[in-house]
C-alpha cells in the first residue's frame, strides 16, 4: 500500500513492500538487525512506519 505522510518541511511518500523471512537470518547485527513484531515497541520508528506495522 502507498502511504503519504506530511512533515513540517517536506512530504514523505512511502511505497511499502511486505516480505517474510523463512527464519532467522544468520550473520546480521546492528544496524541491520531484524526485529520480531512483538519487539517493535522498543524501537523509535517514524510515525507512518509504526502505523503501518500496527495495521498488519
N, C-alpha and C. Protein backbone atom coordinates (compact mmCIF):
# COMPACT_ATOMS: atom_id res chain seq x y z
N UNK A 1 0.82 -1.20 0.00
CA UNK A 1 0.00 0.00 0.00
C UNK A 1 0.86 1.26 0.00
N UNK A 2 0.32 2.32 -0.52
CA UNK A 2 1.02 3.61 -0.56
C UNK A 2 0.60 4.43 0.66
N UNK A 3 1.56 5.04 1.31
CA UNK A 3 1.29 5.86 2.49
C UNK A 3 1.86 7.24 2.24
N UNK A 4 1.08 8.27 2.52
CA UNK A 4 1.58 9.64 2.41
C UNK A 4 1.57 10.25 3.80
N UNK A 5 2.68 10.89 4.16
CA UNK A 5 2.82 11.48 5.48
C UNK A 5 3.41 12.88 5.33
N UNK A 6 2.74 13.88 5.85
CA UNK A 6 3.22 15.26 5.74
C UNK A 6 4.04 15.63 6.97
N UNK A 7 5.22 16.14 6.73
CA UNK A 7 6.08 16.64 7.79
C UNK A 7 6.13 18.16 7.68
N UNK A 8 6.74 18.82 8.62
CA UNK A 8 6.75 20.28 8.60
C UNK A 8 7.54 20.85 7.43
N UNK A 9 8.54 20.14 6.95
CA UNK A 9 9.40 20.69 5.90
C UNK A 9 9.41 19.89 4.61
N UNK A 10 8.71 18.79 4.53
CA UNK A 10 8.59 18.05 3.28
C UNK A 10 7.49 17.00 3.39
N UNK A 11 7.06 16.47 2.26
CA UNK A 11 6.10 15.37 2.24
C UNK A 11 6.86 14.08 2.00
N UNK A 12 6.43 13.04 2.67
CA UNK A 12 7.09 11.74 2.59
C UNK A 12 6.11 10.77 1.96
N UNK A 13 6.45 10.21 0.82
CA UNK A 13 5.60 9.25 0.12
C UNK A 13 6.29 7.90 0.16
N UNK A 14 5.67 6.95 0.85
CA UNK A 14 6.25 5.62 1.02
C UNK A 14 5.51 4.62 0.14
N UNK A 15 6.24 3.81 -0.56
CA UNK A 15 5.68 2.68 -1.29
C UNK A 15 6.15 1.45 -0.55
N UNK A 16 5.24 0.78 0.12
CA UNK A 16 5.63 -0.31 1.01
C UNK A 16 5.64 -1.65 0.30
N UNK A 17 6.40 -2.55 0.84
CA UNK A 17 6.51 -3.91 0.35
C UNK A 17 6.59 -4.82 1.55
N UNK A 18 5.74 -5.81 1.61
CA UNK A 18 5.75 -6.75 2.72
C UNK A 18 6.55 -7.98 2.32
N UNK A 19 7.41 -8.41 3.21
CA UNK A 19 8.22 -9.60 2.97
C UNK A 19 8.34 -10.38 4.27
N UNK A 20 8.48 -11.68 4.14
CA UNK A 20 8.67 -12.52 5.32
C UNK A 20 9.89 -13.39 5.10
N UNK A 21 10.69 -13.51 6.13
CA UNK A 21 11.87 -14.38 6.07
C UNK A 21 11.45 -15.76 6.58
N UNK A 22 12.00 -16.82 6.03
CA UNK A 22 11.63 -18.16 6.46
C UNK A 22 12.11 -18.48 7.87
N UNK A 23 12.99 -17.67 8.41
CA UNK A 23 13.53 -17.89 9.75
C UNK A 23 14.60 -16.87 10.03
N UNK A 24 15.31 -17.04 11.13
CA UNK A 24 16.38 -16.10 11.45
C UNK A 24 17.43 -16.05 10.34
N UNK A 25 17.96 -14.87 10.12
CA UNK A 25 18.99 -14.69 9.10
C UNK A 25 20.34 -14.62 9.80
N UNK A 26 21.18 -15.59 9.57
CA UNK A 26 22.47 -15.68 10.25
C UNK A 26 23.40 -14.55 9.84
N UNK A 27 24.16 -14.05 10.78
CA UNK A 27 25.19 -13.08 10.49
C UNK A 27 24.77 -11.63 10.51
N UNK A 28 23.50 -11.34 10.74
CA UNK A 28 23.08 -9.93 10.79
C UNK A 28 23.28 -9.38 12.19
N UNK A 29 23.76 -8.17 12.26
CA UNK A 29 23.92 -7.47 13.54
C UNK A 29 23.54 -6.01 13.32
N UNK A 30 23.43 -5.26 14.38
CA UNK A 30 23.08 -3.84 14.26
C UNK A 30 24.01 -3.18 13.28
N UNK A 31 23.58 -2.28 12.43
CA UNK A 31 22.24 -1.72 12.33
C UNK A 31 21.29 -2.53 11.47
N UNK A 32 21.68 -3.67 10.95
CA UNK A 32 20.80 -4.46 10.09
C UNK A 32 20.04 -5.54 10.82
N UNK A 33 19.82 -5.39 12.10
CA UNK A 33 19.15 -6.41 12.90
C UNK A 33 17.66 -6.47 12.57
N UNK A 34 17.17 -7.67 12.38
CA UNK A 34 15.73 -7.88 12.18
C UNK A 34 15.10 -7.99 13.55
N UNK A 35 13.92 -7.42 13.70
CA UNK A 35 13.24 -7.40 14.98
C UNK A 35 11.87 -8.07 14.83
N UNK A 36 11.54 -8.93 15.77
CA UNK A 36 10.21 -9.56 15.76
C UNK A 36 9.15 -8.49 16.00
N UNK A 37 7.99 -8.67 15.41
CA UNK A 37 6.90 -7.69 15.55
C UNK A 37 6.62 -7.38 17.01
N UNK A 38 6.70 -8.38 17.87
CA UNK A 38 6.42 -8.18 19.29
C UNK A 38 7.44 -7.25 19.94
N UNK A 39 8.61 -7.09 19.35
CA UNK A 39 9.66 -6.26 19.92
C UNK A 39 9.75 -4.87 19.33
N UNK A 40 8.89 -4.52 18.38
CA UNK A 40 8.97 -3.23 17.70
C UNK A 40 8.74 -2.04 18.63
N UNK A 41 7.96 -2.22 19.68
CA UNK A 41 7.66 -1.10 20.58
C UNK A 41 8.91 -0.56 21.26
N UNK A 42 9.97 -1.35 21.32
CA UNK A 42 11.21 -0.92 21.96
C UNK A 42 12.05 -0.03 21.06
N UNK A 43 11.64 0.18 19.81
CA UNK A 43 12.44 0.94 18.85
C UNK A 43 11.72 2.23 18.44
N UNK A 44 12.50 3.26 18.19
CA UNK A 44 11.95 4.53 17.72
C UNK A 44 11.73 4.43 16.21
N UNK A 45 10.48 4.34 15.80
CA UNK A 45 10.14 4.25 14.39
C UNK A 45 9.42 5.52 13.96
N UNK A 46 9.60 5.95 12.71
CA UNK A 46 8.82 7.07 12.21
C UNK A 46 7.32 6.74 12.29
N UNK A 47 6.51 7.74 12.59
CA UNK A 47 5.07 7.54 12.79
C UNK A 47 4.39 6.77 11.66
N UNK A 48 4.66 7.06 10.37
CA UNK A 48 3.96 6.31 9.33
C UNK A 48 4.36 4.83 9.30
N UNK A 49 5.60 4.53 9.63
CA UNK A 49 6.01 3.12 9.66
C UNK A 49 5.38 2.40 10.85
N UNK A 50 5.33 3.08 11.98
CA UNK A 50 4.70 2.49 13.16
C UNK A 50 3.23 2.20 12.88
N UNK A 51 2.55 3.15 12.23
CA UNK A 51 1.14 2.97 11.88
C UNK A 51 0.97 1.78 10.95
N UNK A 52 1.83 1.67 9.95
CA UNK A 52 1.77 0.56 9.01
C UNK A 52 1.93 -0.77 9.73
N UNK A 53 2.88 -0.86 10.63
CA UNK A 53 3.13 -2.11 11.35
C UNK A 53 1.96 -2.45 12.28
N UNK A 54 1.33 -1.45 12.87
CA UNK A 54 0.20 -1.70 13.75
C UNK A 54 -1.02 -2.18 12.98
N UNK A 55 -1.15 -1.79 11.70
CA UNK A 55 -2.28 -2.19 10.87
C UNK A 55 -2.15 -3.63 10.39
N UNK A 56 -0.97 -4.16 10.36
CA UNK A 56 -0.74 -5.50 9.82
C UNK A 56 -0.85 -6.56 10.87
